[in-house]
Amino acid sequence: MQKHRRLFLQLFGTLLLVPTAALSQQAGPRVPVGKRPPPPPDLKEKTPPPRKGYRWVPGRWVWSIRRSRHVWIPGQFQGHRS
């Protein structure tokens, strides 16, 4: 019984380590927090016509920890109270 438990724990540990190792290799190089490059200039978006009860929030750059680079979030309409 002890032998089966040890085998199970080894198998379980291996199954946990393999995906984590694969993910860490795909993530790419990590950029230290203080060493992040500035975001690129804002992209020019075509602003859609206004909608009643909504306001247009322009797109922006955000830092992606997973990709270790800036990612563009496109603009969108948001509802607001008048």
PDB file of N, CA and C in Angstrom:
ATOM      1  N   MET A   1       0.827  -1.197   0.000  1.00  0.00           N
ATOM      2  CA  MET A   1       0.000   0.000   0.000  1.00  0.00           C
ATOM      3  C   MET A   1       0.870   1.260   0.000  1.00  0.00           C
ATOM      4  N   GLN A   2       1.936   1.245   0.798  1.00  0.00           N
ATOM      5  CA  GLN A   2       2.851   2.384   0.874  1.00  0.00           C
ATOM      6  C   GLN A   2       3.515   2.606  -0.486  1.00  0.00           C
ATOM      7  N   LYS A   3       3.811   1.525  -1.184  1.00  0.00           N
ATOM      8  CA  LYS A   3       4.465   1.619  -2.485  1.00  0.00           C
ATOM      9  C   LYS A   3       3.539   2.309  -3.494  1.00  0.00           C
ATOM     10  N   HIS A   4       2.254   1.983  -3.448  1.00  0.00           N
ATOM     11  CA  HIS A   4       1.288   2.591  -4.362  1.00  0.00           C
ATOM     12  C   HIS A   4       1.122   4.088  -4.063  1.00  0.00           C
ATOM     13  N   ARG A   5       1.128   4.419  -2.793  1.00  0.00           N
ATOM     14  CA  ARG A   5       0.975   5.829  -2.407  1.00  0.00           C
ATOM     15  C   ARG A   5       2.175   6.651  -2.899  1.00  0.00           C
ATOM     16  N   ARG A   6       3.372   6.133  -2.728  1.00  0.00           N
ATOM     17  CA  ARG A   6       4.573   6.827  -3.174  1.00  0.00           C
ATOM     18  C   ARG A   6       4.558   6.992  -4.700  1.00  0.00           C
ATOM     19  N   LEU A   7       4.151   5.945  -5.409  1.00  0.00           N
ATOM     20  CA  LEU A   7       4.068   6.005  -6.866  1.00  0.00           C
ATOM     21  C   LEU A   7       3.045   7.062  -7.297  1.00  0.00           C
ATOM     22  N   PHE A   8       1.904   7.097  -6.619  1.00  0.00           N
ATOM     23  CA  PHE A   8       0.880   8.084  -6.926  1.00  0.00           C
ATOM     24  C   PHE A   8       1.398   9.509  -6.702  1.00  0.00           C
ATOM     25  N   LEU A   9       2.086   9.731  -5.595  1.00  0.00           N
ATOM     26  CA  LEU A   9       2.605  11.064  -5.300  1.00  0.00           C
ATOM     27  C   LEU A   9       3.660  11.487  -6.321  1.00  0.00           C
ATOM     28  N   GLN A  10       4.500  10.566  -6.756  1.00  0.00           N
ATOM     29  CA  GLN A  10       5.500  10.898  -7.770  1.00  0.00           C
ATOM     30  C   GLN A  10       4.831  11.245  -9.098  1.00  0.00           C
ATOM     31  N   LEU A  11       3.831  10.453  -9.472  1.00  0.00           N
ATOM     32  CA  LEU A  11       3.110  10.710 -10.718  1.00  0.00           C
ATOM     33  C   LEU A  11       2.383  12.048 -10.648  1.00  0.00           C
ATOM     34  N   PHE A  12       1.734  12.318  -9.543  1.00  0.00           N
ATOM     35  CA  PHE A  12       1.004  13.564  -9.357  1.00  0.00           C
ATOM     36  C   PHE A  12       1.952  14.765  -9.411  1.00  0.00           C
ATOM     37  N   GLY A  13       3.093  14.657  -8.760  1.00  0.00           N
ATOM     38  CA  GLY A  13       4.086  15.729  -8.781  1.00  0.00           C
ATOM     39  C   GLY A  13       4.601  15.987 -10.182  1.00  0.00           C
ATOM     40  N   THR A  14       4.828  14.933 -10.934  1.00  0.00           N
ATOM     41  CA  THR A  14       5.299  15.074 -12.313  1.00  0.00           C
ATOM     42  C   THR A  14       4.247  15.769 -13.167  1.00  0.00           C
ATOM     43  N   LEU A  15       2.999  15.405 -12.990  1.00  0.00           N
ATOM     44  CA  LEU A  15       1.932  16.022 -13.764  1.00  0.00           C
ATOM     45  C   LEU A  15       1.791  17.504 -13.449  1.00  0.00           C
ATOM     46  N   LEU A  16       2.090  17.893 -12.235  1.00  0.00           N
ATOM     47  CA  LEU A  16       2.027  19.311 -11.873  1.00  0.00           C
ATOM     48  C   LEU A  16       3.209  20.094 -12.425  1.00  0.00           C
ATOM     49  N   LEU A  17       4.374  19.485 -12.454  1.00  0.00           N
ATOM     50  CA  LEU A  17       5.576  20.198 -12.877  1.00  0.00           C
ATOM     51  C   LEU A  17       5.672  20.384 -14.386  1.00  0.00           C
ATOM     52  N   VAL A  18       5.197  19.439 -15.156  1.00  0.00           N
ATOM     53  CA  VAL A  18       5.341  19.509 -16.610  1.00  0.00           C
ATOM     54  C   VAL A  18       4.604  20.717 -17.193  1.00  0.00           C
ATOM     55  N   PRO A  19       3.306  20.950 -16.881  1.00  0.00           N
ATOM     56  CA  PRO A  19       2.646  22.125 -17.458  1.00  0.00           C
ATOM     57  C   PRO A  19       3.269  23.440 -16.977  1.00  0.00           C
ATOM     58  N   THR A  20       3.716  23.505 -15.740  1.00  0.00           N
ATOM     59  CA  THR A  20       4.310  24.748 -15.232  1.00  0.00           C
ATOM     60  C   THR A  20       5.610  25.050 -15.961  1.00  0.00           C
ATOM     61  N   ALA A  21       6.397  24.056 -16.234  1.00  0.00           N
ATOM     62  CA  ALA A  21       7.650  24.270 -16.952  1.00  0.00           C
ATOM     63  C   ALA A  21       7.359  24.739 -18.379  1.00  0.00           C
ATOM     64  N   ALA A  22       6.353  24.158 -19.006  1.00  0.00           N
ATOM     65  CA  ALA A  22       6.000  24.560 -20.366  1.00  0.00           C
ATOM     66  C   ALA A  22       5.498  26.001 -20.391  1.00  0.00           C
ATOM     67  N   LEU A  23       4.704  26.378 -19.414  1.00  0.00           N
ATOM     68  CA  LEU A  23       4.192  27.748 -19.362  1.00  0.00           C
ATOM     69  C   LEU A  23       5.305  28.759 -19.132  1.00  0.00           C
ATOM     70  N   SER A  24       6.248  28.415 -18.284  1.00  0.00           N
ATOM     71  CA  SER A  24       7.316  29.369 -17.998  1.00  0.00           C
ATOM     72  C   SER A  24       8.206  29.580 -19.221  1.00  0.00           C
ATOM     73  N   GLN A  25       8.326  28.592 -20.080  1.00  0.00           N
ATOM     74  CA  GLN A  25       9.140  28.746 -21.290  1.00  0.00           C
ATOM     75  C   GLN A  25       8.396  29.565 -22.339  1.00  0.00           C
ATOM     76  N   GLN A  26       7.071  29.477 -22.385  1.00  0.00           N
ATOM     77  CA  GLN A  26       6.296  30.207 -23.377  1.00  0.00           C
ATOM     78  C   GLN A  26       6.145  31.676 -23.011  1.00  0.00           C
ATOM     79  N   ALA A  27       6.264  32.003 -21.754  1.00  0.00           N
ATOM     80  CA  ALA A  27       5.996  33.367 -21.308  1.00  0.00           C
ATOM     81  C   ALA A  27       7.000  34.356 -21.870  1.00  0.00           C
ATOM     82  N   GLY A  28       8.169  33.931 -22.219  1.00  0.00           N
ATOM     83  CA  GLY A  28       9.167  34.835 -22.760  1.00  0.00           C
ATOM     84  C   GLY A  28       9.968  35.494 -21.653  1.00  0.00           C
ATOM     85  N   PRO A  29      10.843  36.384 -22.033  1.00  0.00           N
ATOM     86  CA  PRO A  29      11.692  37.020 -21.024  1.00  0.00           C
ATOM     87  C   PRO A  29      10.882  37.945 -20.128  1.00  0.00           C
ATOM     88  N   ARG A  30      11.188  37.926 -18.861  1.00  0.00           N
ATOM     89  CA  ARG A  30      10.519  38.802 -17.897  1.00  0.00           C
ATOM     90  C   ARG A  30      11.220  40.147 -17.863  1.00  0.00           C
ATOM     91  N   VAL A  31      10.440  41.203 -17.812  1.00  0.00           N
ATOM     92  CA  VAL A  31      10.994  42.547 -17.719  1.00  0.00           C
ATOM     93  C   VAL A  31      10.834  43.004 -16.276  1.00  0.00           C
ATOM     94  N   PRO A  32      11.922  43.374 -15.604  1.00  0.00           N
ATOM     95  CA  PRO A  32      11.795  43.845 -14.225  1.00  0.00           C
ATOM     96  C   PRO A  32      10.867  45.056 -14.149  1.00  0.00           C
ATOM     97  N   VAL A  33      10.158  45.182 -13.037  1.00  0.00           N
ATOM     98  CA  VAL A  33       9.146  46.226 -12.892  1.00  0.00           C
ATOM     99  C   VAL A  33       9.717  47.613 -13.152  1.00  0.00           C
ATOM    100  N   GLY A  34      10.878  47.928 -12.613  1.00  0.00           N
ATOM    101  CA  GLY A  34      11.458  49.247 -12.801  1.00  0.00           C
ATOM    102  C   GLY A  34      12.029  49.469 -14.190  1.00  0.00           C
ATOM    103  N   LYS A  35      12.139  48.434 -15.011  1.00  0.00           N
ATOM    104  CA  LYS A  35      12.791  48.525 -16.320  1.00  0.00           C
ATOM    105  C   LYS A  35      11.800  48.489 -17.482  1.00  0.00           C
ATOM    106  N   ARG A  36      10.520  48.682 -17.222  1.00  0.00           N
ATOM    107  CA  ARG A  36       9.542  48.631 -18.305  1.00  0.00           C
ATOM    108  C   ARG A  36       9.749  49.795 -19.267  1.00  0.00           C
ATOM    109  N   PRO A  37       9.676  49.520 -20.553  1.00  0.00           N
ATOM    110  CA  PRO A  37       9.781  50.615 -21.514  1.00  0.00           C
ATOM    111  C   PRO A  37       8.493  51.440 -21.495  1.00  0.00           C
ATOM    112  N   PRO A  38       8.560  52.694 -21.923  1.00  0.00           N
ATOM    113  CA  PRO A  38       7.337  53.494 -21.968  1.00  0.00           C
ATOM    114  C   PRO A  38       6.388  52.942 -23.032  1.00  0.00           C
ATOM    115  N   PRO A  39       5.095  53.180 -22.885  1.00  0.00           N
ATOM    116  CA  PRO A  39       4.164  52.673 -23.895  1.00  0.00           C
ATOM    117  C   PRO A  39       4.339  53.396 -25.218  1.00  0.00           C
ATOM    118  N   PRO A  40       3.989  52.744 -26.310  1.00  0.00           N
ATOM    119  CA  PRO A  40       4.050  53.397 -27.621  1.00  0.00           C
ATOM    120  C   PRO A  40       3.041  54.553 -27.683  1.00  0.00           C
ATOM    121  N   PRO A  41       3.131  55.403 -28.685  1.00  0.00           N
ATOM    122  CA  PRO A  41       2.125  56.464 -28.834  1.00  0.00           C
ATOM    123  C   PRO A  41       0.740  55.846 -29.041  1.00  0.00           C
ATOM    124  N   ASP A  42      -0.288  56.585 -28.596  1.00  0.00           N
ATOM    125  CA  ASP A  42      -1.653  56.071 -28.744  1.00  0.00           C
ATOM    126  C   ASP A  42      -1.984  55.829 -30.215  1.00  0.00           C
ATOM    127  N   LEU A  43      -2.758  54.784 -30.447  1.00  0.00           N
ATOM    128  CA  LEU A  43      -3.207  54.479 -31.801  1.00  0.00           C
ATOM    129  C   LEU A  43      -4.372  55.396 -32.157  1.00  0.00           C
ATOM    130  N   LYS A  44      -4.474  55.736 -33.427  1.00  0.00           N
ATOM    131  CA  LYS A  44      -5.594  56.568 -33.867  1.00  0.00           C
ATOM    132  C   LYS A  44      -6.788  55.661 -34.128  1.00  0.00           C
ATOM    133  N   GLU A  45      -7.857  55.931 -33.397  1.00  0.00           N
ATOM    134  CA  GLU A  45      -9.081  55.158 -33.566  1.00  0.00           C
ATOM    135  C   GLU A  45     -10.154  56.037 -34.191  1.00  0.00           C
ATOM    136  N   LYS A  46     -10.957  55.440 -35.024  1.00  0.00           N
ATOM    137  CA  LYS A  46     -12.087  56.167 -35.579  1.00  0.00           C
ATOM    138  C   LYS A  46     -13.184  56.155 -34.519  1.00  0.00           C
ATOM    139  N   THR A  47     -13.536  57.341 -34.030  1.00  0.00           N
ATOM    140  CA  THR A  47     -14.544  57.442 -32.984  1.00  0.00           C
ATOM    141  C   THR A  47     -15.923  57.263 -33.615  1.00  0.00           C
ATOM    142  N   PRO A  48     -16.702  56.309 -33.129  1.00  0.00           N
ATOM    143  CA  PRO A  48     -18.038  56.097 -33.687  1.00  0.00           C
ATOM    144  C   PRO A  48     -18.976  57.248 -33.308  1.00  0.00           C
ATOM    145  N   PRO A  49     -20.111  57.369 -33.986  1.00  0.00           N
ATOM    146  CA  PRO A  49     -21.045  58.440 -33.647  1.00  0.00           C
ATOM    147  C   PRO A  49     -21.554  58.282 -32.204  1.00  0.00           C
ATOM    148  N   PRO A  50     -21.900  59.405 -31.564  1.00  0.00           N
ATOM    149  CA  PRO A  50     -22.339  59.336 -30.165  1.00  0.00           C
ATOM    150  C   PRO A  50     -23.636  58.551 -30.007  1.00  0.00           C
ATOM    151  N   ARG A  51     -23.801  57.967 -28.831  1.00  0.00           N
ATOM    152  CA  ARG A  51     -25.031  57.240 -28.488  1.00  0.00           C
ATOM    153  C   ARG A  51     -25.634  57.886 -27.252  1.00  0.00           C
ATOM    154  N   LYS A  52     -26.923  57.992 -27.244  1.00  0.00           N
ATOM    155  CA  LYS A  52     -27.598  58.607 -26.105  1.00  0.00           C
ATOM    156  C   LYS A  52     -27.425  57.727 -24.866  1.00  0.00           C
ATOM    157  N   GLY A  53     -26.993  58.350 -23.775  1.00  0.00           N
ATOM    158  CA  GLY A  53     -26.818  57.622 -22.516  1.00  0.00           C
ATOM    159  C   GLY A  53     -25.463  56.941 -22.381  1.00  0.00           C
ATOM    160  N   TYR A  54     -24.587  57.127 -23.355  1.00  0.00           N
ATOM    161  CA  TYR A  54     -23.266  56.506 -23.313  1.00  0.00           C
ATOM    162  C   TYR A  54     -22.200  57.547 -23.589  1.00  0.00           C
ATOM    163  N   ARG A  55     -20.999  57.275 -23.153  1.00  0.00           N
ATOM    164  CA  ARG A  55     -19.866  58.128 -23.483  1.00  0.00           C
ATOM    165  C   ARG A  55     -18.759  57.252 -24.043  1.00  0.00           C
ATOM    166  N   TRP A  56     -17.973  57.839 -24.930  1.00  0.00           N
ATOM    167  CA  TRP A  56     -16.880  57.113 -25.566  1.00  0.00           C
ATOM    168  C   TRP A  56     -15.628  57.222 -24.696  1.00  0.00           C
ATOM    169  N   VAL A  57     -15.055  56.078 -24.344  1.00  0.00           N
ATOM    170  CA  VAL A  57     -13.802  56.039 -23.594  1.00  0.00           C
ATOM    171  C   VAL A  57     -12.722  55.591 -24.585  1.00  0.00           C
ATOM    172  N   PRO A  58     -11.739  56.463 -24.862  1.00  0.00           N
ATOM    173  CA  PRO A  58     -10.727  56.109 -25.870  1.00  0.00           C
ATOM    174  C   PRO A  58      -9.865  54.932 -25.435  1.00  0.00           C
ATOM    175  N   GLY A  59      -9.237  54.296 -26.397  1.00  0.00           N
ATOM    176  CA  GLY A  59      -8.357  53.164 -26.125  1.00  0.00           C
ATOM    177  C   GLY A  59      -7.111  53.599 -25.366  1.00  0.00           C
ATOM    178  N   ARG A  60      -6.403  52.610 -24.814  1.00  0.00           N
ATOM    179  CA  ARG A  60      -5.213  52.915 -24.019  1.00  0.00           C
ATOM    180  C   ARG A  60      -4.267  51.728 -24.035  1.00  0.00           C
ATOM    181  N   TRP A  61      -3.022  51.991 -23.692  1.00  0.00           N
ATOM    182  CA  TRP A  61      -2.022  50.940 -23.551  1.00  0.00           C
ATOM    183  C   TRP A  61      -2.011  50.461 -22.102  1.00  0.00           C
ATOM    184  N   VAL A  62      -1.949  49.154 -21.902  1.00  0.00           N
ATOM    185  CA  VAL A  62      -1.792  48.573 -20.558  1.00  0.00           C
ATOM    186  C   VAL A  62      -0.637  47.579 -20.602  1.00  0.00           C
ATOM    187  N   TRP A  63       0.023  47.407 -19.472  1.00  0.00           N
ATOM    188  CA  TRP A  63       1.150  46.478 -19.393  1.00  0.00           C
ATOM    189  C   TRP A  63       0.626  45.066 -19.180  1.00  0.00           C
ATOM    190  N   SER A  64       1.036  44.136 -20.023  1.00  0.00           N
ATOM    191  CA  SER A  64       0.667  42.735 -19.894  1.00  0.00           C
ATOM    192  C   SER A  64       1.805  41.989 -19.210  1.00  0.00           C
ATOM    193  N   ILE A  65       1.539  41.492 -18.023  1.00  0.00           N
ATOM    194  CA  ILE A  65       2.552  40.730 -17.294  1.00  0.00           C
ATOM    195  C   ILE A  65       2.868  39.445 -18.041  1.00  0.00           C
ATOM    196  N   ARG A  66       1.847  38.814 -18.581  1.00  0.00           N
ATOM    197  CA  ARG A  66       2.044  37.540 -19.286  1.00  0.00           C
ATOM    198  C   ARG A  66       2.921  37.705 -20.524  1.00  0.00           C
ATOM    199  N   ARG A  67       2.692  38.784 -21.274  1.00  0.00           N
ATOM    200  CA  ARG A  67       3.444  38.989 -22.515  1.00  0.00           C
ATOM    201  C   ARG A  67       4.696  39.835 -22.331  1.00  0.00           C
ATOM    202  N   SER A  68       4.842  40.458 -21.169  1.00  0.00           N
ATOM    203  CA  SER A  68       5.984  41.341 -20.871  1.00  0.00           C
ATOM    204  C   SER A  68       6.109  42.463 -21.902  1.00  0.00           C
ATOM    205  N   ARG A  69       4.986  43.037 -22.245  1.00  0.00           N
ATOM    206  CA  ARG A  69       4.971  44.171 -23.168  1.00  0.00           C
ATOM    207  C   ARG A  69       3.636  44.901 -23.021  1.00  0.00           C
ATOM    208  N   HIS A  70       3.555  46.081 -23.641  1.00  0.00           N
ATOM    209  CA  HIS A  70       2.305  46.833 -23.626  1.00  0.00           C
ATOM    210  C   HIS A  70       1.329  46.230 -24.634  1.00  0.00           C
ATOM    211  N   VAL A  71       0.045  46.247 -24.277  1.00  0.00           N
ATOM    212  CA  VAL A  71      -1.013  45.710 -25.135  1.00  0.00           C
ATOM    213  C   VAL A  71      -2.073  46.802 -25.286  1.00  0.00           C
ATOM    214  N   TRP A  72      -2.563  46.991 -26.504  1.00  0.00           N
ATOM    215  CA  TRP A  72      -3.569  48.018 -26.762  1.00  0.00           C
ATOM    216  C   TRP A  72      -4.962  47.506 -26.412  1.00  0.00           C
ATOM    217  N   ILE A  73      -5.680  48.287 -25.597  1.00  0.00           N
ATOM    218  CA  ILE A  73      -7.075  47.994 -25.273  1.00  0.00           C
ATOM    219  C   ILE A  73      -7.907  48.992 -26.081  1.00  0.00           C
ATOM    220  N   PRO A  74      -8.725  48.511 -27.018  1.00  0.00           N
ATOM    221  CA  PRO A  74      -9.466  49.443 -27.870  1.00  0.00           C
ATOM    222  C   PRO A  74     -10.524  50.238 -27.087  1.00  0.00           C
ATOM    223  N   GLY A  75     -10.905  51.389 -27.657  1.00  0.00           N
ATOM    224  CA  GLY A  75     -11.927  52.229 -27.037  1.00  0.00           C
ATOM    225  C   GLY A  75     -13.282  51.540 -27.036  1.00  0.00           C
ATOM    226  N   GLN A  76     -14.169  52.046 -26.162  1.00  0.00           N
ATOM    227  CA  GLN A  76     -15.493  51.436 -26.052  1.00  0.00           C
ATOM    228  C   GLN A  76     -16.487  52.445 -25.484  1.00  0.00           C
ATOM    229  N   PHE A  77     -17.753  52.174 -25.691  1.00  0.00           N
ATOM    230  CA  PHE A  77     -18.790  52.986 -25.089  1.00  0.00           C
ATOM    231  C   PHE A  77     -19.061  52.491 -23.680  1.00  0.00           C
ATOM    232  N   GLN A  78     -19.278  53.441 -22.766  1.00  0.00           N
ATOM    233  CA  GLN A  78     -19.665  53.101 -21.402  1.00  0.00           C
ATOM    234  C   GLN A  78     -20.897  53.897 -21.046  1.00  0.00           C
ATOM    235  N   GLY A  79     -21.829  53.237 -20.360  1.00  0.00           N
ATOM    236  CA  GLY A  79     -23.039  53.930 -19.933  1.00  0.00           C
ATOM    237  C   GLY A  79     -22.717  54.878 -18.794  1.00  0.00           C
ATOM    238  N   HIS A  80     -23.420  56.002 -18.740  1.00  0.00           N
ATOM    239  CA  HIS A  80     -23.216  56.944 -17.638  1.00  0.00           C
ATOM    240  C   HIS A  80     -24.547  57.565 -17.248  1.00  0.00           C
ATOM    241  N   ARG A  81     -24.573  58.105 -16.063  1.00  0.00           N
ATOM    242  CA  ARG A  81     -25.795  58.752 -15.557  1.00  0.00           C
ATOM    243  C   ARG A  81     -25.731  60.223 -15.878  1.00  0.00           C
ATOM    244  N   SER A  82     -26.836  60.733 -16.303  1.00  0.00           N
ATOM    245  CA  SER A  82     -26.885  62.170 -16.646  1.00  0.00           C
ATOM    246  C   SER A  82     -27.221  63.020 -15.446  1.00  0.00           C
TER     247      SER A  82
END
